[in-house]
Amino acid sequence: MNEFLSKAVVYQIVLRNFTRDGNFRAATEMLDHVRSIGVDAVYLSPFVEMDRDMDESGWSPRQIESGYHTPKNPYRISDYDRIDPEYGTDADFAVFNDRAHALGMRVFMDLVYLHCGPNNVMKDRFPDAFQRNPDGTVRTTQWRFPFVNFESKDVRRYLIGSMLHWIRLGCDGFRCDVGYRVPLDFWREAVAECLKARPGLAMILEGIDPAYLEDAFDAYYAWPWSFTLRNALCASGQHFGHVQGTTFPEKMEHVRAFEATMPPDALGMCFLDNHDTAADDWENRFDRILPVEAGNAAFVLTFLRRGIPLVFSGNEIADNALSTFFAAVEDLGRARKTVDWARALQPAGQKRLRLIRELSRLRHENPVFANGSQNWITSGEAQGTVAFERHLGDQAVFVAANLTSAPAEFPVSVASASVVLLLADGGEISANGLCRLSPYGFVVARSL
């Protein structure tokens, strides 16, 4: 197990969304705030050079549907080793990196290796850079981007060299976009090389294939868990296909069954929001359509269960702005699709901010949340609640939250006389061993 990740709170930044300026300089000025909420690692969505090709037949359907009429998609890359001028310079990145490290945070970056832009520099360097159809045409993904050819030794050397380039510039880990569709033998080779240069390198797979977690990756995307929570709150995420079961108990049983297939040391990255969900939810982002308490209940579960909590930029202030990563910085309408930092001054934002800081503190100060085992408590799931106990040595912590707008009550194996409340809002444990939760209520209690 990657010891750093087991304790970490990760924060995702999409530079275009994070600030009105949308660049490294503006993001650097926000790092003190990010650290203040207990973040240990900043994960940057792609900031390398984007393809400028104007042929829309090579744009993704989502890119076209966004209506921004720009070829510049962060996930359609033309040069893996160059920072896109939209975001700044190498010097700007160095300042960002140095500031994050000085504050005690690590920096992760997004690798997009399955596909690239049609004019990627590899095309001119290596004749076999792209995969080909039987008729010789370039084979493209469902997003209409060229498949990278991992059969090419030159391509492999170039991509591994790019990883080493960013490690030399201070990168501490990689989140690998659609990484489960990149050949596993490539990742094995790449990780072995990169670990020589950066012991402790964190590798996060956007995927759920256990084979990739045996010897190449430390963490996977906890899609079944994350989309089950999102679905319970507002029926979001169903279109991603990771929510199985009709009733909530059936969905939770699928989560448990899935997680049992993962290697014991692998960690799930747990999210309520990320760049994809925020863009796809649009008007239906959970903090737009639900009271702040709904997201708070889900964040309690996400922070304190086994895994890695991911905070998408603005989640900590209950940001509910429309969000898209397709709008270029120069687009005059993009500013209205950035984090609404004024929410930090409003009651909902202040309530979320206090909670995230407290959850980070609990996670960091109590080893049970990083290293403890987890036992699910299913007695309240028919009412839309999630509960579990974390155990480490003689320490046990009970966590429960209600994901519905109706009150819930269910039996648990602890009573009020035998616990100390660590955190609660609309939740309690009675003297006779009942957990009572108001709508979107939660309770965290340590056994005596």
Protein backbone atom coordinates (compact mmCIF):
# COMPACT_ATOMS: atom_id res chain seq x y z
CA MET A 1 0.00 0.00 0.00
CA ASN A 2 1.19 3.51 -0.78
CA GLU A 3 1.44 4.94 2.74
CA PHE A 4 1.11 8.53 1.57
CA LEU A 5 -2.09 7.88 -0.38
CA SER A 6 -3.65 5.90 2.46
CA LYS A 7 -3.67 9.10 4.56
CA ALA A 8 -4.10 11.68 1.82
CA VAL A 9 -6.83 14.11 0.85
CA VAL A 10 -6.55 14.86 -2.88
CA TYR A 11 -7.82 18.04 -4.55
CA GLN A 12 -8.51 18.26 -8.28
CA ILE A 13 -7.77 21.46 -10.17
CA VAL A 14 -8.87 22.13 -13.74
CA LEU A 15 -6.97 25.33 -14.45
CA ARG A 16 -9.70 26.66 -16.78
CA ASN A 17 -12.33 26.26 -14.05
CA PHE A 18 -10.37 27.07 -10.92
CA THR A 19 -9.95 30.83 -11.34
CA ARG A 20 -11.19 33.59 -13.63
CA ASP A 21 -7.70 33.94 -15.12
CA GLY A 22 -7.46 30.18 -15.70
CA ASN A 23 -3.68 29.89 -15.46
CA PHE A 24 -0.87 28.74 -13.17
CA ARG A 25 -0.19 32.16 -11.73
CA ALA A 26 -3.75 32.58 -10.48
CA ALA A 27 -3.87 28.98 -9.23
CA THR A 28 -0.65 29.51 -7.26
CA GLU A 29 -2.32 32.32 -5.34
CA MET A 30 -5.04 29.88 -4.23
CA LEU A 31 -2.73 27.20 -2.85
CA ASP A 32 -2.74 28.57 0.69
CA HIS A 33 -6.51 28.15 0.72
CA VAL A 34 -6.23 24.62 -0.68
CA ARG A 35 -3.75 23.62 2.02
CA SER A 36 -5.92 25.23 4.70
CA ILE A 37 -8.68 22.69 4.15
CA GLY A 38 -6.33 19.79 4.83
CA VAL A 39 -5.29 18.85 1.30
CA ASP A 40 -2.19 16.68 0.91
CA ALA A 41 -1.95 16.44 -2.88
CA VAL A 42 -3.11 18.60 -5.76
CA TYR A 43 -4.12 16.69 -8.88
CA LEU A 44 -3.90 18.82 -12.02
CA SER A 45 -6.03 17.98 -15.03
CA PRO A 46 -4.07 18.12 -18.31
CA PHE A 47 -2.14 21.36 -18.82
CA VAL A 48 0.11 20.28 -21.68
CA GLU A 49 -0.15 21.61 -25.22
CA MET A 50 -3.55 21.09 -26.87
CA ASP A 51 -4.07 20.31 -30.56
CA ARG A 52 -5.21 23.33 -32.54
CA ASP A 53 -6.59 21.37 -35.55
CA MET A 54 -9.84 23.02 -36.69
CA ASP A 55 -11.28 19.96 -38.45
CA GLU A 56 -14.34 19.19 -36.30
CA SER A 57 -14.43 15.59 -37.54
CA GLY A 58 -11.56 15.07 -35.10
CA TRP A 59 -13.32 16.73 -32.16
CA SER A 60 -15.14 14.71 -29.53
CA PRO A 61 -18.96 14.77 -29.52
CA ARG A 62 -18.92 16.39 -26.07
CA GLN A 63 -16.49 19.01 -27.31
CA ILE A 64 -18.79 19.91 -30.20
CA GLU A 65 -21.93 19.84 -28.05
CA SER A 66 -20.33 22.27 -25.59
CA GLY A 67 -20.81 25.00 -28.19
CA TYR A 68 -17.48 26.72 -27.59
CA HIS A 69 -16.21 26.14 -31.15
CA THR A 70 -12.61 25.64 -30.09
CA PRO A 71 -10.26 22.80 -31.04
CA LYS A 72 -8.45 23.20 -27.72
CA ASN A 73 -9.52 20.23 -25.61
CA PRO A 74 -7.24 19.43 -22.63
CA TYR A 75 -7.64 15.72 -23.40
CA ARG A 76 -6.59 16.08 -27.09
CA ILE A 77 -2.86 16.63 -26.78
CA SER A 78 -0.32 17.78 -29.35
CA ASP A 79 2.84 17.76 -27.20
CA TYR A 80 3.21 15.88 -23.93
CA ASP A 81 6.32 17.81 -22.88
CA ARG A 82 5.14 21.40 -23.35
CA ILE A 83 2.84 23.50 -21.18
CA ASP A 84 0.04 25.00 -23.22
CA PRO A 85 0.55 28.78 -23.50
CA GLU A 86 -3.04 29.24 -22.32
CA TYR A 87 -1.90 28.22 -18.84
CA GLY A 88 1.45 29.95 -18.68
CA THR A 89 5.12 29.03 -18.94
CA ASP A 90 7.53 26.49 -17.53
CA ALA A 91 8.55 29.14 -15.01
CA ASP A 92 4.93 29.59 -13.93
CA PHE A 93 4.59 25.85 -13.39
CA ALA A 94 7.83 25.80 -11.42
CA VAL A 95 6.52 28.51 -9.11
CA PHE A 96 3.23 26.61 -8.64
CA ASN A 97 5.09 23.38 -7.94
CA ASP A 98 7.53 24.98 -5.52
CA ARG A 99 4.74 26.71 -3.63
CA ALA A 100 2.71 23.51 -3.30
CA HIS A 101 5.75 21.64 -2.00
CA ALA A 102 6.61 24.43 0.40
CA LEU A 103 3.11 24.17 1.84
CA GLY A 104 3.55 20.42 2.34
CA MET A 105 1.46 19.25 -0.63
CA ARG A 106 2.46 16.91 -3.43
CA VAL A 107 1.59 17.56 -7.07
CA PHE A 108 -0.01 14.95 -9.33
CA MET A 109 -0.72 15.41 -13.02
CA ASP A 110 -3.08 13.80 -15.50
CA LEU A 111 -1.59 11.50 -18.13
CA VAL A 112 -3.65 11.03 -21.31
CA TYR A 113 -1.87 8.22 -23.12
CA LEU A 114 -4.64 6.12 -24.67
CA HIS A 115 -5.19 8.74 -27.38
CA CYS A 116 -3.82 12.09 -28.51
CA GLY A 117 -4.48 14.92 -30.96
CA PRO A 118 -4.23 14.33 -34.72
CA ASN A 119 -1.19 16.61 -34.94
CA ASN A 120 0.70 15.24 -31.97
CA VAL A 121 4.45 15.64 -32.34
CA MET A 122 4.82 11.85 -32.39
CA LYS A 123 3.20 11.77 -35.84
CA ASP A 124 6.25 13.41 -37.45
CA ARG A 125 8.83 11.70 -35.26
CA PHE A 126 7.60 8.13 -35.53
CA PRO A 127 5.85 6.71 -38.62
CA ASP A 128 4.14 4.10 -36.44
CA ALA A 129 2.91 6.56 -33.78
CA PHE A 130 -0.81 5.87 -34.33
CA GLN A 131 -2.74 2.64 -34.59
CA ARG A 132 -4.07 1.88 -38.08
CA ASN A 133 -7.19 0.28 -39.51
CA PRO A 134 -6.82 -2.52 -42.10
CA ASP A 135 -7.21 0.06 -44.87
CA GLY A 136 -4.33 2.15 -43.49
CA THR A 137 -6.40 4.97 -42.02
CA VAL A 138 -5.77 6.14 -38.47
CA ARG A 139 -7.79 4.21 -35.90
CA THR A 140 -9.67 6.55 -33.57
CA THR A 141 -11.35 6.24 -30.19
CA GLN A 142 -15.00 6.86 -29.39
CA TRP A 143 -13.91 10.48 -28.81
CA ARG A 144 -12.56 10.60 -32.42
CA PHE A 145 -8.95 10.96 -31.29
CA PRO A 146 -6.11 8.80 -32.71
CA PHE A 147 -5.23 5.70 -30.70
CA VAL A 148 -1.59 5.79 -29.59
CA ASN A 149 0.33 2.75 -30.86
CA PHE A 150 1.94 0.99 -27.91
CA GLU A 151 3.44 -1.63 -30.20
CA SER A 152 5.98 1.04 -31.19
CA LYS A 153 9.17 0.98 -29.11
CA ASP A 154 9.82 4.60 -30.09
CA VAL A 155 6.41 5.68 -28.80
CA ARG A 156 6.97 3.86 -25.53
CA ARG A 157 10.35 5.49 -25.02
CA TYR A 158 8.89 8.91 -25.79
CA LEU A 159 6.00 8.56 -23.35
CA ILE A 160 8.14 7.16 -20.55
CA GLY A 161 10.60 9.96 -21.22
CA SER A 162 7.77 12.45 -20.83
CA MET A 163 6.85 10.98 -17.44
CA LEU A 164 10.48 11.29 -16.35
CA HIS A 165 10.56 14.87 -17.67
CA TRP A 166 7.69 15.90 -15.38
CA ILE A 167 9.16 13.98 -12.46
CA ARG A 168 12.38 15.97 -12.89
CA LEU A 169 10.27 19.13 -12.77
CA GLY A 170 8.78 18.03 -9.45
CA CYS A 171 5.76 15.86 -10.25
CA ASP A 172 5.02 13.39 -7.45
CA GLY A 173 2.43 11.15 -9.09
CA PHE A 174 0.15 10.51 -12.02
CA ARG A 175 -3.58 10.06 -12.52
CA CYS A 176 -3.90 8.04 -15.72
CA ASP A 177 -6.88 8.91 -17.90
CA VAL A 178 -8.67 5.79 -19.19
CA GLY A 179 -5.53 4.03 -17.98
CA TYR A 180 -7.14 0.60 -17.97
CA ARG A 181 -7.26 0.65 -21.79
CA VAL A 182 -3.54 1.32 -22.13
CA PRO A 183 -1.64 -1.99 -22.26
CA LEU A 184 -0.64 -3.19 -18.79
CA ASP A 185 2.83 -4.19 -19.92
CA PHE A 186 3.49 -0.55 -20.84
CA TRP A 187 2.52 0.62 -17.37
CA ARG A 188 4.72 -2.02 -15.76
CA GLU A 189 7.70 -0.81 -17.80
CA ALA A 190 6.93 2.87 -17.20
CA VAL A 191 6.37 2.56 -13.45
CA ALA A 192 9.55 0.54 -12.97
CA GLU A 193 11.55 3.30 -14.69
CA CYS A 194 9.81 6.14 -12.89
CA LEU A 195 10.19 4.62 -9.44
CA LYS A 196 13.95 4.74 -9.90
CA ALA A 197 13.70 8.50 -10.35
CA ARG A 198 10.93 9.11 -7.81
CA PRO A 199 10.61 6.51 -5.01
CA GLY A 200 7.11 6.72 -3.56
CA LEU A 201 5.61 7.83 -6.87
CA ALA A 202 1.79 7.65 -6.68
CA MET A 203 -0.03 5.95 -9.56
CA ILE A 204 -3.82 6.37 -9.78
CA LEU A 205 -5.76 4.38 -12.38
CA GLU A 206 -8.91 5.72 -13.95
CA GLY A 207 -10.28 2.22 -14.11
CA ILE A 208 -11.25 -0.79 -12.04
CA ASP A 209 -9.21 -3.68 -13.48
CA PRO A 210 -7.59 -5.54 -10.56
CA ALA A 211 -4.73 -6.79 -12.75
CA TYR A 212 -3.49 -3.21 -13.14
CA LEU A 213 -3.36 -2.83 -9.37
CA GLU A 214 -1.17 -5.83 -8.70
CA ASP A 215 2.14 -4.24 -9.67
CA ALA A 216 1.61 -0.94 -11.53
CA PHE A 217 -1.00 1.17 -9.72
CA ASP A 218 -1.71 2.11 -6.11
CA ALA A 219 -5.29 3.28 -6.48
CA TYR A 220 -8.33 2.94 -8.72
CA TYR A 221 -11.43 5.01 -9.37
CA ALA A 222 -14.13 3.85 -6.93
CA TRP A 223 -16.86 4.21 -9.54
CA PRO A 224 -19.41 1.78 -8.00
CA TRP A 225 -19.19 3.50 -4.61
CA SER A 226 -19.08 7.06 -5.90
CA PHE A 227 -21.93 6.74 -8.37
CA THR A 228 -24.06 4.82 -5.90
CA LEU A 229 -23.79 7.76 -3.49
CA ARG A 230 -24.46 10.26 -6.26
CA ASN A 231 -27.42 8.21 -7.44
CA ALA A 232 -28.84 8.06 -3.91
CA LEU A 233 -28.63 11.83 -3.62
CA CYS A 234 -30.05 12.90 -6.96
CA ALA A 235 -30.17 10.01 -9.44
CA SER A 236 -27.02 11.33 -11.13
CA GLY A 237 -24.37 9.13 -12.66
CA GLN A 238 -26.71 6.44 -13.91
CA HIS A 239 -25.51 7.01 -17.47
CA PHE A 240 -21.98 5.98 -16.52
CA GLY A 241 -23.18 2.42 -16.01
CA HIS A 242 -21.53 1.78 -12.63
CA VAL A 243 -24.72 1.75 -10.51
CA GLN A 244 -26.14 -1.77 -10.38
CA GLY A 245 -29.20 -2.96 -8.49
CA THR A 246 -32.74 -1.65 -8.12
CA THR A 247 -33.02 -0.87 -4.44
CA PHE A 248 -30.43 0.98 -2.41
CA PRO A 249 -29.47 -2.15 -0.40
CA GLU A 250 -28.93 -4.00 -3.69
CA LYS A 251 -26.73 -1.19 -4.96
CA MET A 252 -24.68 -1.21 -1.78
CA GLU A 253 -24.33 -4.99 -1.98
CA HIS A 254 -22.90 -4.55 -5.47
CA VAL A 255 -20.40 -2.01 -4.08
CA ARG A 256 -19.25 -4.50 -1.45
CA ALA A 257 -19.04 -7.36 -3.93
CA PHE A 258 -17.01 -5.25 -6.34
CA GLU A 259 -14.59 -4.00 -3.67
CA ALA A 260 -13.99 -7.58 -2.57
CA THR A 261 -12.49 -8.26 -6.01
CA MET A 262 -9.82 -5.58 -5.60
CA PRO A 263 -6.32 -6.41 -4.29
CA PRO A 264 -6.19 -5.94 -0.49
CA ASP A 265 -3.68 -3.09 -0.63
CA ALA A 266 -5.38 -1.16 -3.44
CA LEU A 267 -7.19 2.05 -2.53
CA GLY A 268 -10.32 3.42 -4.16
CA MET A 269 -10.41 7.11 -5.05
CA CYS A 270 -13.83 8.24 -3.82
CA PHE A 271 -15.49 11.32 -5.30
CA LEU A 272 -18.81 13.10 -5.47
CA ASP A 273 -17.65 15.41 -8.23
CA ASN A 274 -14.88 15.58 -10.82
CA HIS A 275 -14.30 17.33 -14.14
CA ASP A 276 -16.52 14.84 -15.99
CA THR A 277 -19.43 14.76 -13.58
CA ALA A 278 -19.49 18.52 -13.05
CA ALA A 279 -19.61 19.12 -16.80
CA ASP A 280 -22.17 16.40 -17.50
CA ASP A 281 -24.44 17.26 -14.57
CA TRP A 282 -24.51 20.92 -15.66
CA GLU A 283 -27.74 22.36 -14.20
CA ASN A 284 -28.13 19.25 -12.02
CA ARG A 285 -24.93 19.45 -9.98
CA PHE A 286 -25.81 18.23 -6.49
CA ASP A 287 -24.99 21.54 -4.85
CA ARG A 288 -27.33 23.31 -7.29
CA ILE A 289 -30.39 21.14 -6.66
CA LEU A 290 -29.98 19.95 -3.06
CA PRO A 291 -29.46 21.59 0.33
CA VAL A 292 -25.84 21.81 1.43
CA GLU A 293 -26.56 19.17 4.09
CA ALA A 294 -27.05 16.51 1.39
CA GLY A 295 -23.53 16.88 0.07
CA ASN A 296 -22.22 17.15 3.62
CA ALA A 297 -23.65 13.75 4.53
CA ALA A 298 -22.04 12.17 1.47
CA PHE A 299 -18.68 13.83 2.14
CA VAL A 300 -18.65 12.40 5.68
CA LEU A 301 -18.91 8.91 4.21
CA THR A 302 -16.40 9.63 1.44
CA PHE A 303 -13.75 11.06 3.79
CA LEU A 304 -14.00 8.47 6.56
CA ARG A 305 -14.47 5.21 4.67
CA ARG A 306 -11.44 3.23 3.48
CA GLY A 307 -10.01 4.89 0.38
CA ILE A 308 -8.82 8.27 -0.87
CA PRO A 309 -11.22 11.23 -0.76
CA LEU A 310 -11.15 13.44 -3.83
CA VAL A 311 -12.34 17.03 -3.50
CA PHE A 312 -13.14 18.70 -6.83
CA SER A 313 -12.23 22.37 -6.80
CA GLY A 314 -15.01 24.34 -5.15
CA ASN A 315 -16.66 21.36 -3.45
CA GLU A 316 -15.29 22.67 -0.17
CA ILE A 317 -17.43 25.82 -0.46
CA ALA A 318 -20.46 24.05 -1.97
CA ASP A 319 -19.72 25.66 -5.32
CA ASN A 320 -22.69 25.28 -7.65
CA ALA A 321 -21.49 27.15 -10.73
CA LEU A 322 -22.02 25.66 -14.16
CA SER A 323 -18.80 23.89 -15.04
CA THR A 324 -17.11 22.98 -18.32
CA PHE A 325 -13.51 22.17 -19.23
CA PHE A 326 -14.09 22.88 -22.93
CA ALA A 327 -14.14 26.69 -22.76
CA ALA A 328 -10.80 28.24 -23.71
CA VAL A 329 -9.40 30.97 -21.47
CA GLU A 330 -9.90 33.61 -24.14
CA ASP A 331 -13.63 32.83 -24.40
CA LEU A 332 -15.53 35.73 -22.83
CA GLY A 333 -18.23 33.42 -21.48
CA ARG A 334 -15.80 31.08 -19.72
CA ALA A 335 -15.52 33.27 -16.63
CA ARG A 336 -19.12 32.43 -15.75
CA LYS A 337 -18.20 28.72 -15.75
CA THR A 338 -15.51 28.99 -13.07
CA VAL A 339 -15.67 28.33 -9.33
CA ASP A 340 -17.89 30.90 -7.63
CA TRP A 341 -15.58 31.78 -4.76
CA ALA A 342 -18.21 34.15 -3.33
CA ARG A 343 -19.91 30.99 -2.02
CA ALA A 344 -17.23 30.90 0.69
CA LEU A 345 -18.87 33.97 2.22
CA GLN A 346 -22.39 32.54 2.19
CA PRO A 347 -23.94 30.29 4.87
CA ALA A 348 -23.98 27.13 2.74
CA GLY A 349 -20.39 27.61 1.67
CA GLN A 350 -19.24 28.35 5.20
CA LYS A 351 -20.99 25.25 6.54
CA ARG A 352 -19.35 23.01 3.92
CA LEU A 353 -15.95 24.61 4.50
CA ARG A 354 -16.10 23.97 8.25
CA LEU A 355 -17.06 20.36 7.63
CA ILE A 356 -14.32 19.62 5.08
CA ARG A 357 -11.70 21.06 7.40
CA GLU A 358 -13.02 18.97 10.28
CA LEU A 359 -13.13 15.81 8.18
CA SER A 360 -9.55 16.39 7.04
CA ARG A 361 -8.48 16.86 10.66
CA LEU A 362 -10.22 13.65 11.76
CA ARG A 363 -8.66 11.72 8.90
CA HIS A 364 -5.16 12.98 9.65
CA GLU A 365 -5.26 12.69 13.43
CA ASN A 366 -6.85 9.24 13.69
CA PRO A 367 -4.79 6.37 12.18
CA VAL A 368 -7.94 4.24 12.14
CA PHE A 369 -9.08 6.09 9.01
CA ALA A 370 -5.83 5.45 7.12
CA ASN A 371 -4.98 1.96 8.29
CA GLY A 372 -8.06 0.53 9.96
CA SER A 373 -10.28 -2.24 8.69
CA GLN A 374 -13.87 -1.51 7.72
CA ASN A 375 -17.05 -3.37 8.66
CA TRP A 376 -20.30 -2.41 6.96
CA ILE A 377 -23.49 -2.01 8.99
CA THR A 378 -26.46 -2.75 6.75
CA SER A 379 -29.40 -2.40 9.13
CA GLY A 380 -30.31 1.08 7.90
CA GLU A 381 -29.72 0.71 4.17
CA ALA A 382 -33.39 0.09 3.39
CA GLN A 383 -33.96 3.64 4.63
CA GLY A 384 -31.20 5.12 2.45
CA THR A 385 -28.48 5.32 5.09
CA VAL A 386 -24.88 4.15 4.94
CA ALA A 387 -23.04 3.05 8.08
CA PHE A 388 -19.76 1.34 8.88
CA GLU A 389 -17.22 0.87 11.64
CA ARG A 390 -13.48 1.43 11.28
CA HIS A 391 -11.23 -0.71 13.53
CA LEU A 392 -7.54 -0.47 14.37
CA GLY A 393 -6.17 -2.30 17.39
CA ASP A 394 -8.50 -1.53 20.28
CA GLN A 395 -9.91 1.59 18.60
CA ALA A 396 -13.28 1.56 16.87
CA VAL A 397 -15.11 4.45 15.19
CA PHE A 398 -18.74 4.32 14.05
CA VAL A 399 -19.80 6.40 11.02
CA ALA A 400 -23.34 6.80 9.67
CA ALA A 401 -25.05 9.23 7.30
CA ASN A 402 -28.51 9.60 5.83
CA LEU A 403 -28.58 10.22 2.08
CA THR A 404 -32.30 10.98 1.95
CA SER A 405 -34.68 13.80 2.82
CA ALA A 406 -36.59 11.58 5.28
CA PRO A 407 -35.58 10.76 8.87
CA ALA A 408 -34.15 7.31 9.59
CA GLU A 409 -33.74 5.10 12.63
CA PHE A 410 -32.00 1.72 12.81
CA PRO A 411 -30.33 -0.55 15.41
CA VAL A 412 -26.56 -0.59 15.89
CA SER A 413 -24.26 -2.51 18.20
CA VAL A 414 -23.23 0.53 20.27
CA ALA A 415 -25.11 2.71 22.76
CA SER A 416 -24.68 6.32 23.78
CA ALA A 417 -23.09 5.42 27.10
CA SER A 418 -20.24 3.60 25.35
CA VAL A 419 -19.25 6.20 22.73
CA VAL A 420 -17.77 9.67 22.44
CA LEU A 421 -19.17 11.82 19.67
CA LEU A 422 -16.47 13.07 17.31
CA LEU A 423 -18.75 14.80 14.81
CA ALA A 424 -22.50 15.04 14.34
CA ASP A 425 -25.15 17.08 12.60
CA GLY A 426 -28.69 15.79 12.91
CA GLY A 427 -27.49 12.43 14.18
CA GLU A 428 -27.33 10.61 17.49
CA ILE A 429 -26.95 7.20 19.09
CA SER A 430 -29.53 6.46 21.77
CA ALA A 431 -29.04 4.73 25.09
CA ASN A 432 -30.76 1.60 23.78
CA GLY A 433 -28.56 1.30 20.68
CA LEU A 434 -30.56 3.07 17.99
CA CYS A 435 -28.94 5.36 15.46
CA ARG A 436 -31.29 8.24 14.68
CA LEU A 437 -30.60 10.47 11.70
CA SER A 438 -32.55 13.48 10.55
CA PRO A 439 -32.80 14.18 6.81
CA TYR A 440 -29.18 14.24 5.57
CA GLY A 441 -27.99 13.85 9.16
CA PHE A 442 -24.75 12.14 10.16
CA VAL A 443 -22.89 10.96 13.23
CA VAL A 444 -19.28 9.92 13.89
CA ALA A 445 -18.57 8.32 17.27
CA ARG A 446 -15.59 6.61 18.90
CA SER A 447 -16.17 3.61 21.13
CA LEU A 448 -14.92 3.92 24.70
